[in-house]
Amino acid sequence: GRFCSMEALIRLRDSEGNLISPAEFIPVAEQTGLISPITWFVLEEICKTLKSYPRLGDVSVSINVPQTQMLERGFVPRFTGIVDQAGIDHRRICIEFTERSLLDNFQQTMAVMQELNEKGFRFYLDDFGVSYSNFNCLLQLPFNVIKLDPCLVHKGKDGRPDYTTMRTLTKLFHDMELIVIAEGAETDEEVQNLVDQGV
C-alpha cells in the first residue's frame, strides 16, 4: 500500500514534438552504438533525481541495461563511480534486463552480475513469460526480483487472468526467495487478486 520503487524509462520526441516509441529508437540506438551513452545518461539522471528528492527515502529505481553494455570493459567501475559520486546507496539502484538476452555470454554475464551484486546492486528479470523461460538461468544468476509480463496477468479463458498459473509461478519464485512483481494490473480486482497471492 505504499510507493516503494520506480522504473526509469526514456522517451524521445521528433522535431515536431511527437513522441517516438522506444520500440523504434532503441533498436536503432543499439545498432548504431548510441545505446551506451543513452544508458549512462539515464543512470546520471536517476542519481540526480534521487539526490534532489530526499523525501523519496529508500525508494529504489530500476534501469534497463543492455547485456552487451554490461559486458564492456570498465562497466562495473564506471557504473559504481556514477552512483557513488551522487552519494546514492547501491541497494536503491536495480539493473533490469530480459531473459531472452541471458544465454549469450552466460558465464561472463554471471561474473559481472556477481561482482555488482556483491557491491549491493540488485537485479530484476524483466518480461518473464513473454518468450521462453530458462529456469536454469534463474537458479545460477543473482536475481532479486522477477517481473511477470502483462501477458500472464491478462492471459486466460474469456480474457480473464489465469490466477492458477500466477499462483504456481509466485509460489515457486517465493520458494527461491525472489520478489515477484506483476506488470499490467489495471483493475482493483486484478490488483487485489495478485496481492492475495503475495505478488
N, C-alpha and C. Protein backbone atom coordinates (compact mmCIF):
# COMPACT_ATOMS: atom_id res chain seq x y z
N GLY A 1 0.79 -1.22 0.00
CA GLY A 1 0.00 0.00 0.00
C GLY A 1 0.82 1.26 0.00
N ARG A 2 2.12 1.17 -0.29
CA ARG A 2 2.93 2.38 -0.36
C ARG A 2 3.84 2.34 -1.58
N PHE A 3 4.22 3.52 -2.01
CA PHE A 3 5.09 3.68 -3.17
C PHE A 3 6.51 3.31 -2.75
N CYS A 4 7.10 2.28 -3.36
CA CYS A 4 8.41 1.82 -2.90
C CYS A 4 9.46 1.69 -3.99
N SER A 5 9.05 1.72 -5.25
CA SER A 5 10.05 1.60 -6.32
C SER A 5 9.50 2.18 -7.62
N MET A 6 10.42 2.48 -8.52
CA MET A 6 10.01 3.00 -9.82
C MET A 6 11.02 2.56 -10.88
N GLU A 7 10.62 2.67 -12.13
CA GLU A 7 11.48 2.30 -13.25
C GLU A 7 11.74 3.53 -14.09
N ALA A 8 13.01 3.73 -14.44
CA ALA A 8 13.37 4.86 -15.30
C ALA A 8 13.19 4.46 -16.76
N LEU A 9 12.37 5.20 -17.48
CA LEU A 9 12.12 4.93 -18.89
C LEU A 9 12.40 6.18 -19.70
N ILE A 10 13.10 6.02 -20.81
CA ILE A 10 13.45 7.17 -21.63
C ILE A 10 12.46 7.31 -22.79
N ARG A 11 12.16 8.54 -23.16
CA ARG A 11 11.27 8.82 -24.28
C ARG A 11 11.94 9.82 -25.21
N LEU A 12 11.57 9.79 -26.47
CA LEU A 12 12.19 10.64 -27.48
C LEU A 12 11.10 11.33 -28.29
N ARG A 13 11.33 12.59 -28.61
CA ARG A 13 10.39 13.33 -29.46
C ARG A 13 11.07 13.71 -30.77
N ASP A 14 10.27 13.77 -31.84
CA ASP A 14 10.83 14.21 -33.12
C ASP A 14 10.85 15.73 -33.17
N SER A 15 11.27 16.28 -34.30
CA SER A 15 11.44 17.73 -34.41
C SER A 15 10.12 18.49 -34.28
N GLU A 16 8.99 17.79 -34.46
CA GLU A 16 7.68 18.43 -34.32
C GLU A 16 7.06 18.18 -32.95
N GLY A 17 7.80 17.52 -32.09
CA GLY A 17 7.31 17.29 -30.73
C GLY A 17 6.50 16.03 -30.53
N ASN A 18 6.40 15.20 -31.57
CA ASN A 18 5.65 13.95 -31.46
C ASN A 18 6.50 12.87 -30.79
N LEU A 19 5.88 12.08 -29.92
CA LEU A 19 6.60 11.01 -29.24
C LEU A 19 6.97 9.89 -30.22
N ILE A 20 8.22 9.42 -30.11
CA ILE A 20 8.69 8.28 -30.89
C ILE A 20 8.77 7.10 -29.93
N SER A 21 8.18 6.00 -30.31
CA SER A 21 8.15 4.82 -29.45
C SER A 21 9.56 4.27 -29.22
N PRO A 22 9.85 3.83 -27.98
CA PRO A 22 11.14 3.18 -27.71
C PRO A 22 11.34 1.94 -28.60
N ALA A 23 10.23 1.30 -29.00
CA ALA A 23 10.34 0.13 -29.88
C ALA A 23 10.97 0.52 -31.22
N GLU A 24 10.90 1.82 -31.55
CA GLU A 24 11.52 2.30 -32.79
C GLU A 24 12.96 2.77 -32.57
N PHE A 25 13.18 3.60 -31.54
CA PHE A 25 14.51 4.21 -31.45
C PHE A 25 15.54 3.40 -30.67
N ILE A 26 15.11 2.51 -29.77
CA ILE A 26 16.08 1.71 -29.02
C ILE A 26 16.83 0.74 -29.94
N PRO A 27 16.13 0.00 -30.84
CA PRO A 27 16.88 -0.88 -31.75
C PRO A 27 17.87 -0.10 -32.62
N VAL A 28 17.49 1.10 -33.06
CA VAL A 28 18.40 1.93 -33.85
C VAL A 28 19.61 2.32 -33.02
N ALA A 29 19.36 2.70 -31.76
CA ALA A 29 20.45 3.08 -30.86
C ALA A 29 21.40 1.90 -30.63
N GLU A 30 20.83 0.70 -30.51
CA GLU A 30 21.67 -0.49 -30.32
C GLU A 30 22.51 -0.78 -31.55
N GLN A 31 21.93 -0.61 -32.74
CA GLN A 31 22.65 -0.90 -33.98
C GLN A 31 23.74 0.12 -34.27
N THR A 32 23.53 1.36 -33.84
CA THR A 32 24.48 2.43 -34.16
C THR A 32 25.49 2.71 -33.05
N GLY A 33 25.36 2.00 -31.92
CA GLY A 33 26.30 2.20 -30.82
C GLY A 33 25.93 3.36 -29.90
N LEU A 34 24.74 3.94 -30.11
CA LEU A 34 24.32 5.06 -29.27
C LEU A 34 23.66 4.62 -27.96
N ILE A 35 23.42 3.32 -27.83
CA ILE A 35 22.73 2.83 -26.63
C ILE A 35 23.58 3.04 -25.38
N SER A 36 24.89 2.95 -25.54
CA SER A 36 25.78 3.11 -24.38
C SER A 36 25.69 4.51 -23.78
N PRO A 37 25.87 5.59 -24.57
CA PRO A 37 25.72 6.92 -23.98
C PRO A 37 24.32 7.20 -23.44
N ILE A 38 23.29 6.60 -24.06
CA ILE A 38 21.93 6.77 -23.55
C ILE A 38 21.81 6.16 -22.16
N THR A 39 22.36 4.96 -21.99
CA THR A 39 22.29 4.29 -20.68
C THR A 39 23.01 5.10 -19.61
N TRP A 40 24.20 5.61 -19.93
CA TRP A 40 24.94 6.42 -18.94
C TRP A 40 24.17 7.69 -18.60
N PHE A 41 23.55 8.30 -19.61
CA PHE A 41 22.74 9.49 -19.37
C PHE A 41 21.59 9.19 -18.41
N VAL A 42 20.89 8.07 -18.66
CA VAL A 42 19.75 7.69 -17.80
C VAL A 42 20.23 7.44 -16.37
N LEU A 43 21.35 6.74 -16.20
CA LEU A 43 21.86 6.47 -14.86
C LEU A 43 22.19 7.78 -14.13
N GLU A 44 22.82 8.71 -14.82
CA GLU A 44 23.15 10.00 -14.20
C GLU A 44 21.89 10.76 -13.81
N GLU A 45 20.85 10.71 -14.66
CA GLU A 45 19.59 11.38 -14.34
C GLU A 45 18.91 10.74 -13.13
N ILE A 46 18.96 9.42 -13.05
CA ILE A 46 18.41 8.71 -11.89
C ILE A 46 19.08 9.21 -10.61
N CYS A 47 20.41 9.25 -10.62
CA CYS A 47 21.15 9.65 -9.43
C CYS A 47 20.87 11.10 -9.05
N LYS A 48 20.76 11.97 -10.05
CA LYS A 48 20.42 13.38 -9.78
C LYS A 48 19.04 13.47 -9.13
N THR A 49 18.09 12.70 -9.66
CA THR A 49 16.72 12.75 -9.13
C THR A 49 16.67 12.26 -7.69
N LEU A 50 17.31 11.13 -7.40
CA LEU A 50 17.30 10.60 -6.04
C LEU A 50 17.97 11.56 -5.07
N LYS A 51 19.04 12.22 -5.53
CA LYS A 51 19.75 13.17 -4.67
C LYS A 51 18.92 14.43 -4.44
N SER A 52 18.16 14.83 -5.45
CA SER A 52 17.37 16.07 -5.37
C SER A 52 16.09 15.93 -4.56
N TYR A 53 15.63 14.69 -4.37
CA TYR A 53 14.37 14.47 -3.66
C TYR A 53 14.59 13.53 -2.46
N PRO A 54 15.18 14.06 -1.38
CA PRO A 54 15.44 13.21 -0.20
C PRO A 54 14.15 12.63 0.39
N ARG A 55 13.00 13.27 0.12
CA ARG A 55 11.74 12.76 0.67
C ARG A 55 11.35 11.41 0.07
N LEU A 56 12.05 10.99 -1.00
CA LEU A 56 11.79 9.67 -1.56
C LEU A 56 12.26 8.56 -0.62
N GLY A 57 13.06 8.94 0.36
CA GLY A 57 13.51 7.97 1.36
C GLY A 57 14.32 6.86 0.75
N ASP A 58 13.86 5.61 0.92
CA ASP A 58 14.61 4.46 0.40
C ASP A 58 14.00 3.90 -0.89
N VAL A 59 13.19 4.70 -1.57
CA VAL A 59 12.60 4.27 -2.84
C VAL A 59 13.72 3.88 -3.81
N SER A 60 13.56 2.73 -4.47
CA SER A 60 14.56 2.26 -5.42
C SER A 60 14.14 2.57 -6.85
N VAL A 61 15.13 2.60 -7.74
CA VAL A 61 14.87 2.87 -9.16
C VAL A 61 15.56 1.79 -9.99
N SER A 62 14.82 1.24 -10.95
CA SER A 62 15.42 0.25 -11.84
C SER A 62 15.73 0.90 -13.19
N ILE A 63 16.82 0.42 -13.78
CA ILE A 63 17.28 0.94 -15.07
C ILE A 63 17.51 -0.23 -16.00
N ASN A 64 17.07 -0.09 -17.24
CA ASN A 64 17.31 -1.11 -18.25
C ASN A 64 18.74 -0.97 -18.78
N VAL A 65 19.51 -2.03 -18.66
CA VAL A 65 20.90 -2.02 -19.13
C VAL A 65 21.06 -3.13 -20.17
N PRO A 66 21.48 -2.78 -21.40
CA PRO A 66 21.71 -3.83 -22.39
C PRO A 66 22.82 -4.76 -21.91
N GLN A 67 22.63 -6.04 -22.10
CA GLN A 67 23.62 -7.00 -21.65
C GLN A 67 24.97 -6.75 -22.32
N THR A 68 24.96 -6.37 -23.59
CA THR A 68 26.22 -6.12 -24.30
C THR A 68 27.01 -5.00 -23.63
N GLN A 69 26.31 -3.98 -23.12
CA GLN A 69 26.99 -2.87 -22.45
C GLN A 69 27.55 -3.30 -21.10
N MET A 70 26.78 -4.15 -20.40
CA MET A 70 27.22 -4.62 -19.09
C MET A 70 28.52 -5.41 -19.20
N LEU A 71 28.78 -5.99 -20.37
CA LEU A 71 29.97 -6.80 -20.58
C LEU A 71 31.15 -6.00 -21.12
N GLU A 72 30.94 -4.69 -21.33
CA GLU A 72 32.04 -3.85 -21.83
C GLU A 72 33.10 -3.68 -20.76
N ARG A 73 34.36 -3.56 -21.18
CA ARG A 73 35.46 -3.33 -20.26
C ARG A 73 35.23 -2.03 -19.48
N GLY A 74 35.38 -2.10 -18.18
CA GLY A 74 35.25 -0.90 -17.35
C GLY A 74 33.83 -0.57 -16.93
N PHE A 75 32.87 -1.43 -17.29
CA PHE A 75 31.47 -1.12 -16.96
C PHE A 75 31.26 -1.01 -15.45
N VAL A 76 31.73 -2.00 -14.70
CA VAL A 76 31.46 -2.05 -13.26
C VAL A 76 32.02 -0.82 -12.53
N PRO A 77 33.32 -0.46 -12.73
CA PRO A 77 33.80 0.73 -12.02
C PRO A 77 33.11 2.03 -12.44
N ARG A 78 32.75 2.15 -13.72
CA ARG A 78 32.07 3.37 -14.16
C ARG A 78 30.67 3.45 -13.56
N PHE A 79 29.93 2.34 -13.60
CA PHE A 79 28.58 2.30 -13.05
C PHE A 79 28.62 2.64 -11.56
N THR A 80 29.51 1.97 -10.85
CA THR A 80 29.65 2.19 -9.40
C THR A 80 30.07 3.62 -9.11
N GLY A 81 31.00 4.15 -9.92
CA GLY A 81 31.50 5.51 -9.70
C GLY A 81 30.43 6.57 -9.83
N ILE A 82 29.54 6.43 -10.82
CA ILE A 82 28.46 7.41 -11.01
C ILE A 82 27.53 7.42 -9.79
N VAL A 83 27.20 6.23 -9.32
CA VAL A 83 26.29 6.11 -8.16
C VAL A 83 26.97 6.65 -6.90
N ASP A 84 28.24 6.31 -6.72
CA ASP A 84 28.98 6.76 -5.53
C ASP A 84 29.17 8.27 -5.52
N GLN A 85 29.44 8.84 -6.69
CA GLN A 85 29.65 10.29 -6.77
C GLN A 85 28.40 11.05 -6.33
N ALA A 86 27.23 10.47 -6.59
CA ALA A 86 25.97 11.11 -6.19
C ALA A 86 25.61 10.79 -4.73
N GLY A 87 26.36 9.87 -4.12
CA GLY A 87 26.10 9.51 -2.74
C GLY A 87 24.84 8.68 -2.56
N ILE A 88 24.52 7.85 -3.55
CA ILE A 88 23.31 7.03 -3.52
C ILE A 88 23.65 5.62 -3.03
N ASP A 89 22.85 5.10 -2.13
CA ASP A 89 23.01 3.73 -1.64
C ASP A 89 22.85 2.76 -2.80
N HIS A 90 23.80 1.86 -2.98
CA HIS A 90 23.76 0.91 -4.09
C HIS A 90 22.47 0.10 -4.12
N ARG A 91 21.89 -0.20 -2.97
CA ARG A 91 20.68 -1.02 -2.91
C ARG A 91 19.48 -0.34 -3.55
N ARG A 92 19.58 0.97 -3.79
CA ARG A 92 18.47 1.71 -4.39
C ARG A 92 18.51 1.68 -5.92
N ILE A 93 19.59 1.13 -6.49
CA ILE A 93 19.73 1.06 -7.94
C ILE A 93 19.59 -0.40 -8.38
N CYS A 94 18.60 -0.65 -9.24
CA CYS A 94 18.33 -2.01 -9.70
C CYS A 94 18.56 -2.06 -11.21
N ILE A 95 19.20 -3.12 -11.65
CA ILE A 95 19.51 -3.29 -13.07
C ILE A 95 18.54 -4.31 -13.66
N GLU A 96 17.89 -3.93 -14.76
CA GLU A 96 16.90 -4.80 -15.41
C GLU A 96 17.39 -5.26 -16.76
N PHE A 97 17.14 -6.52 -17.06
CA PHE A 97 17.24 -6.97 -18.44
C PHE A 97 16.33 -8.18 -18.64
N THR A 98 16.15 -8.55 -19.90
CA THR A 98 15.18 -9.59 -20.23
C THR A 98 15.86 -10.94 -20.35
N GLU A 99 15.06 -12.00 -20.15
CA GLU A 99 15.63 -13.34 -20.17
C GLU A 99 16.12 -13.76 -21.55
N ARG A 100 15.57 -13.15 -22.62
CA ARG A 100 15.98 -13.58 -23.95
C ARG A 100 17.44 -13.22 -24.25
N SER A 101 18.02 -12.31 -23.45
CA SER A 101 19.42 -11.92 -23.67
C SER A 101 20.40 -12.72 -22.83
N LEU A 102 19.88 -13.59 -21.95
CA LEU A 102 20.75 -14.20 -20.94
C LEU A 102 21.70 -15.26 -21.48
N LEU A 103 21.29 -16.00 -22.49
CA LEU A 103 22.09 -17.13 -22.91
C LEU A 103 23.35 -16.74 -23.67
N ASP A 104 23.40 -15.51 -24.18
CA ASP A 104 24.62 -15.05 -24.84
C ASP A 104 25.65 -14.69 -23.78
N ASN A 105 26.86 -15.22 -23.91
CA ASN A 105 27.95 -14.91 -22.98
C ASN A 105 27.53 -15.15 -21.53
N PHE A 106 26.93 -16.31 -21.28
CA PHE A 106 26.34 -16.58 -19.97
C PHE A 106 27.36 -16.49 -18.83
N GLN A 107 28.51 -17.11 -18.99
CA GLN A 107 29.50 -17.14 -17.91
C GLN A 107 30.02 -15.73 -17.60
N GLN A 108 30.26 -14.94 -18.65
CA GLN A 108 30.73 -13.57 -18.46
C GLN A 108 29.65 -12.72 -17.78
N THR A 109 28.40 -12.92 -18.20
CA THR A 109 27.29 -12.20 -17.59
C THR A 109 27.18 -12.53 -16.11
N MET A 110 27.30 -13.81 -15.78
CA MET A 110 27.21 -14.24 -14.40
C MET A 110 28.30 -13.60 -13.55
N ALA A 111 29.52 -13.51 -14.08
CA ALA A 111 30.64 -12.93 -13.33
C ALA A 111 30.41 -11.45 -13.04
N VAL A 112 29.92 -10.71 -14.05
CA VAL A 112 29.66 -9.27 -13.86
C VAL A 112 28.51 -9.07 -12.87
N MET A 113 27.45 -9.87 -13.01
CA MET A 113 26.32 -9.75 -12.09
C MET A 113 26.74 -10.03 -10.65
N GLN A 114 27.55 -11.05 -10.46
CA GLN A 114 28.00 -11.38 -9.10
C GLN A 114 28.85 -10.26 -8.51
N GLU A 115 29.70 -9.65 -9.35
CA GLU A 115 30.53 -8.54 -8.88
C GLU A 115 29.66 -7.35 -8.45
N LEU A 116 28.66 -7.02 -9.26
CA LEU A 116 27.77 -5.91 -8.93
C LEU A 116 26.89 -6.25 -7.73
N ASN A 117 26.45 -7.50 -7.66
CA ASN A 117 25.61 -7.94 -6.54
C ASN A 117 26.37 -7.84 -5.22
N GLU A 118 27.66 -8.17 -5.24
CA GLU A 118 28.49 -8.06 -4.04
C GLU A 118 28.64 -6.60 -3.59
N LYS A 119 28.48 -5.68 -4.53
CA LYS A 119 28.56 -4.24 -4.20
C LYS A 119 27.21 -3.70 -3.73
N GLY A 120 26.18 -4.56 -3.74
CA GLY A 120 24.87 -4.15 -3.22
C GLY A 120 23.83 -3.83 -4.27
N PHE A 121 24.19 -3.82 -5.55
CA PHE A 121 23.21 -3.56 -6.60
C PHE A 121 22.30 -4.78 -6.75
N ARG A 122 21.03 -4.53 -7.12
CA ARG A 122 20.06 -5.60 -7.26
C ARG A 122 19.69 -5.79 -8.72
N PHE A 123 19.15 -6.97 -9.03
CA PHE A 123 18.82 -7.32 -10.41
C PHE A 123 17.36 -7.73 -10.56
N TYR A 124 16.75 -7.19 -11.61
CA TYR A 124 15.37 -7.54 -11.98
C TYR A 124 15.42 -8.32 -13.29
N LEU A 125 14.70 -9.44 -13.34
CA LEU A 125 14.50 -10.12 -14.62
C LEU A 125 13.16 -9.64 -15.16
N ASP A 126 13.21 -8.94 -16.29
CA ASP A 126 12.01 -8.30 -16.86
C ASP A 126 11.33 -9.22 -17.87
N ASP A 127 10.04 -9.00 -18.07
CA ASP A 127 9.26 -9.67 -19.12
C ASP A 127 9.22 -11.18 -18.98
N PHE A 128 9.26 -11.71 -17.74
CA PHE A 128 9.23 -13.16 -17.58
C PHE A 128 7.93 -13.72 -18.14
N GLY A 129 8.06 -14.76 -18.98
CA GLY A 129 6.88 -15.41 -19.54
C GLY A 129 6.52 -14.95 -20.93
N VAL A 130 7.21 -13.94 -21.45
CA VAL A 130 6.82 -13.42 -22.76
C VAL A 130 7.43 -14.25 -23.89
N SER A 131 8.58 -14.88 -23.63
CA SER A 131 9.18 -15.72 -24.67
C SER A 131 9.38 -17.11 -24.11
N TYR A 132 10.63 -17.52 -23.89
CA TYR A 132 10.87 -18.80 -23.25
C TYR A 132 11.30 -18.51 -21.82
N SER A 133 11.26 -19.53 -20.98
CA SER A 133 11.62 -19.34 -19.59
C SER A 133 12.69 -20.35 -19.20
N ASN A 134 13.89 -19.86 -18.98
CA ASN A 134 15.01 -20.74 -18.67
C ASN A 134 15.26 -20.72 -17.17
N PHE A 135 14.70 -21.72 -16.47
CA PHE A 135 14.84 -21.76 -15.02
C PHE A 135 16.28 -22.01 -14.59
N ASN A 136 17.07 -22.62 -15.46
CA ASN A 136 18.48 -22.85 -15.13
C ASN A 136 19.19 -21.51 -14.93
N CYS A 137 18.84 -20.53 -15.76
CA CYS A 137 19.42 -19.19 -15.61
C CYS A 137 19.04 -18.59 -14.26
N LEU A 138 17.77 -18.75 -13.90
CA LEU A 138 17.30 -18.19 -12.64
C LEU A 138 18.01 -18.80 -11.45
N LEU A 139 18.33 -20.08 -11.55
CA LEU A 139 18.98 -20.76 -10.44
C LEU A 139 20.44 -20.32 -10.28
N GLN A 140 21.07 -19.93 -11.38
CA GLN A 140 22.51 -19.62 -11.33
C GLN A 140 22.82 -18.13 -11.19
N LEU A 141 21.92 -17.28 -11.65
CA LEU A 141 22.21 -15.85 -11.65
C LEU A 141 21.59 -15.16 -10.43
N PRO A 142 22.25 -14.12 -9.92
CA PRO A 142 21.79 -13.48 -8.67
C PRO A 142 20.65 -12.48 -8.84
N PHE A 143 19.50 -12.96 -9.34
CA PHE A 143 18.35 -12.08 -9.45
C PHE A 143 17.70 -11.90 -8.08
N ASN A 144 17.12 -10.73 -7.88
CA ASN A 144 16.39 -10.43 -6.65
C ASN A 144 14.89 -10.36 -6.89
N VAL A 145 14.53 -9.94 -8.12
CA VAL A 145 13.12 -9.68 -8.45
C VAL A 145 12.79 -10.26 -9.82
N ILE A 146 11.62 -10.89 -9.92
CA ILE A 146 11.11 -11.37 -11.20
C ILE A 146 9.89 -10.53 -11.55
N LYS A 147 9.91 -9.93 -12.73
CA LYS A 147 8.77 -9.14 -13.19
C LYS A 147 7.99 -9.96 -14.22
N LEU A 148 6.77 -10.34 -13.84
CA LEU A 148 5.93 -11.13 -14.73
C LEU A 148 5.36 -10.23 -15.82
N ASP A 149 5.47 -10.68 -17.05
CA ASP A 149 4.98 -9.91 -18.18
C ASP A 149 3.46 -9.72 -18.10
N PRO A 150 2.95 -8.59 -18.60
CA PRO A 150 1.49 -8.36 -18.59
C PRO A 150 0.69 -9.48 -19.24
N CYS A 151 1.29 -10.22 -20.19
CA CYS A 151 0.54 -11.30 -20.85
C CYS A 151 0.10 -12.35 -19.83
N LEU A 152 0.87 -12.53 -18.75
CA LEU A 152 0.48 -13.50 -17.73
C LEU A 152 -0.68 -12.99 -16.88
N VAL A 153 -0.76 -11.68 -16.74
CA VAL A 153 -1.86 -11.09 -15.97
C VAL A 153 -3.16 -11.16 -16.77
N HIS A 154 -3.06 -10.99 -18.07
CA HIS A 154 -4.26 -10.89 -18.90
C HIS A 154 -4.64 -12.16 -19.64
N LYS A 155 -3.71 -13.13 -19.70
CA LYS A 155 -3.98 -14.34 -20.47
C LYS A 155 -4.87 -15.28 -19.67
N GLY A 156 -5.87 -15.83 -20.29
CA GLY A 156 -6.76 -16.77 -19.61
C GLY A 156 -8.05 -16.93 -20.39
N LYS A 157 -8.93 -17.78 -19.88
CA LYS A 157 -10.21 -18.01 -20.56
C LYS A 157 -11.06 -16.75 -20.51
N ASP A 158 -11.70 -16.47 -21.63
CA ASP A 158 -12.61 -15.32 -21.72
C ASP A 158 -11.91 -14.00 -21.39
N GLY A 159 -10.59 -13.95 -21.61
CA GLY A 159 -9.86 -12.72 -21.35
C GLY A 159 -9.61 -12.45 -19.88
N ARG A 160 -9.98 -13.36 -18.99
CA ARG A 160 -9.76 -13.18 -17.56
C ARG A 160 -8.38 -13.71 -17.18
N PRO A 161 -7.76 -13.10 -16.20
CA PRO A 161 -6.42 -13.55 -15.80
C PRO A 161 -6.42 -15.02 -15.35
N ASP A 162 -5.33 -15.72 -15.64
CA ASP A 162 -5.17 -17.11 -15.24
C ASP A 162 -4.43 -17.13 -13.90
N TYR A 163 -5.21 -17.05 -12.81
CA TYR A 163 -4.58 -16.94 -11.49
C TYR A 163 -3.94 -18.25 -11.04
N THR A 164 -4.34 -19.37 -11.64
CA THR A 164 -3.71 -20.65 -11.29
C THR A 164 -2.24 -20.63 -11.70
N THR A 165 -1.97 -20.17 -12.92
CA THR A 165 -0.58 -20.05 -13.39
C THR A 165 0.18 -19.05 -12.54
N MET A 166 -0.44 -17.91 -12.27
CA MET A 166 0.21 -16.88 -11.46
C MET A 166 0.55 -17.40 -10.07
N ARG A 167 -0.39 -18.12 -9.47
CA ARG A 167 -0.20 -18.65 -8.13
C ARG A 167 0.96 -19.66 -8.10
N THR A 168 1.02 -20.52 -9.12
CA THR A 168 2.07 -21.53 -9.20
C THR A 168 3.44 -20.89 -9.36
N LEU A 169 3.54 -19.93 -10.29
CA LEU A 169 4.81 -19.23 -10.51
C LEU A 169 5.24 -18.46 -9.27
N THR A 170 4.28 -17.77 -8.65
CA THR A 170 4.60 -16.95 -7.48
C THR A 170 5.13 -17.82 -6.34
N LYS A 171 4.49 -18.96 -6.11
CA LYS A 171 4.96 -19.85 -5.05
C LYS A 171 6.37 -20.35 -5.35
N LEU A 172 6.61 -20.73 -6.60
CA LEU A 172 7.94 -21.21 -7.00
C LEU A 172 9.00 -20.15 -6.75
N PHE A 173 8.72 -18.91 -7.18
CA PHE A 173 9.70 -17.83 -7.02
C PHE A 173 9.88 -17.46 -5.55
N HIS A 174 8.80 -17.48 -4.79
CA HIS A 174 8.93 -17.20 -3.36
C HIS A 174 9.78 -18.26 -2.67
N ASP A 175 9.63 -19.52 -3.09
CA ASP A 175 10.45 -20.59 -2.54
C ASP A 175 11.93 -20.38 -2.87
N MET A 176 12.19 -19.68 -3.98
CA MET A 176 13.57 -19.34 -4.38
C MET A 176 14.03 -18.03 -3.74
N GLU A 177 13.17 -17.49 -2.84
CA GLU A 177 13.46 -16.24 -2.12
C GLU A 177 13.58 -15.04 -3.06
N LEU A 178 12.71 -15.02 -4.08
CA LEU A 178 12.66 -13.91 -5.02
C LEU A 178 11.39 -13.11 -4.79
N ILE A 179 11.47 -11.81 -5.03
CA ILE A 179 10.30 -10.94 -5.01
C ILE A 179 9.62 -11.04 -6.37
N VAL A 180 8.29 -11.08 -6.39
CA VAL A 180 7.55 -11.18 -7.64
C VAL A 180 6.75 -9.90 -7.87
N ILE A 181 6.92 -9.32 -9.05
CA ILE A 181 6.16 -8.14 -9.46
C ILE A 181 5.36 -8.52 -10.70
N ALA A 182 4.10 -8.13 -10.74
CA ALA A 182 3.28 -8.36 -11.94
C ALA A 182 3.02 -7.02 -12.60
N GLU A 183 3.37 -6.94 -13.87
CA GLU A 183 3.08 -5.72 -14.64
C GLU A 183 1.74 -5.89 -15.35
N GLY A 184 1.04 -4.79 -15.52
CA GLY A 184 -0.18 -4.82 -16.32
C GLY A 184 -1.48 -4.94 -15.56
N ALA A 185 -1.43 -4.95 -14.22
CA ALA A 185 -2.68 -4.99 -13.45
C ALA A 185 -3.39 -3.65 -13.61
N GLU A 186 -4.65 -3.68 -14.06
CA GLU A 186 -5.34 -2.43 -14.39
C GLU A 186 -6.60 -2.17 -13.58
N THR A 187 -7.10 -3.20 -12.90
CA THR A 187 -8.33 -3.01 -12.14
C THR A 187 -8.08 -3.32 -10.67
N ASP A 188 -8.95 -2.82 -9.80
CA ASP A 188 -8.83 -3.11 -8.37
C ASP A 188 -8.91 -4.62 -8.12
N GLU A 189 -9.75 -5.30 -8.88
CA GLU A 189 -9.91 -6.75 -8.70
C GLU A 189 -8.61 -7.48 -9.04
N GLU A 190 -7.99 -7.10 -10.16
CA GLU A 190 -6.72 -7.72 -10.55
C GLU A 190 -5.65 -7.47 -9.49
N VAL A 191 -5.57 -6.24 -9.03
CA VAL A 191 -4.56 -5.89 -8.02
C VAL A 191 -4.79 -6.71 -6.75
N GLN A 192 -6.03 -6.78 -6.28
CA GLN A 192 -6.31 -7.49 -5.05
C GLN A 192 -6.01 -8.98 -5.17
N ASN A 193 -6.36 -9.57 -6.31
CA ASN A 193 -6.06 -10.99 -6.52
C ASN A 193 -4.56 -11.26 -6.51
N LEU A 194 -3.79 -10.35 -7.09
CA LEU A 194 -2.33 -10.51 -7.12
C LEU A 194 -1.75 -10.31 -5.72
N VAL A 195 -2.22 -9.30 -5.02
CA VAL A 195 -1.74 -9.05 -3.66
C VAL A 195 -2.04 -10.24 -2.76
N ASP A 196 -3.21 -10.85 -2.92
CA ASP A 196 -3.59 -12.01 -2.12
C ASP A 196 -2.62 -13.18 -2.33
N GLN A 197 -1.97 -13.20 -3.49
CA GLN A 197 -1.01 -14.26 -3.79
C GLN A 197 0.41 -13.89 -3.38
N GLY A 198 0.57 -12.70 -2.80
CA GLY A 198 1.90 -12.27 -2.38
C GLY A 198 2.71 -11.61 -3.48
N VAL A 199 2.04 -11.20 -4.56
CA VAL A 199 2.74 -10.51 -5.65
C VAL A 199 2.91 -9.05 -5.27
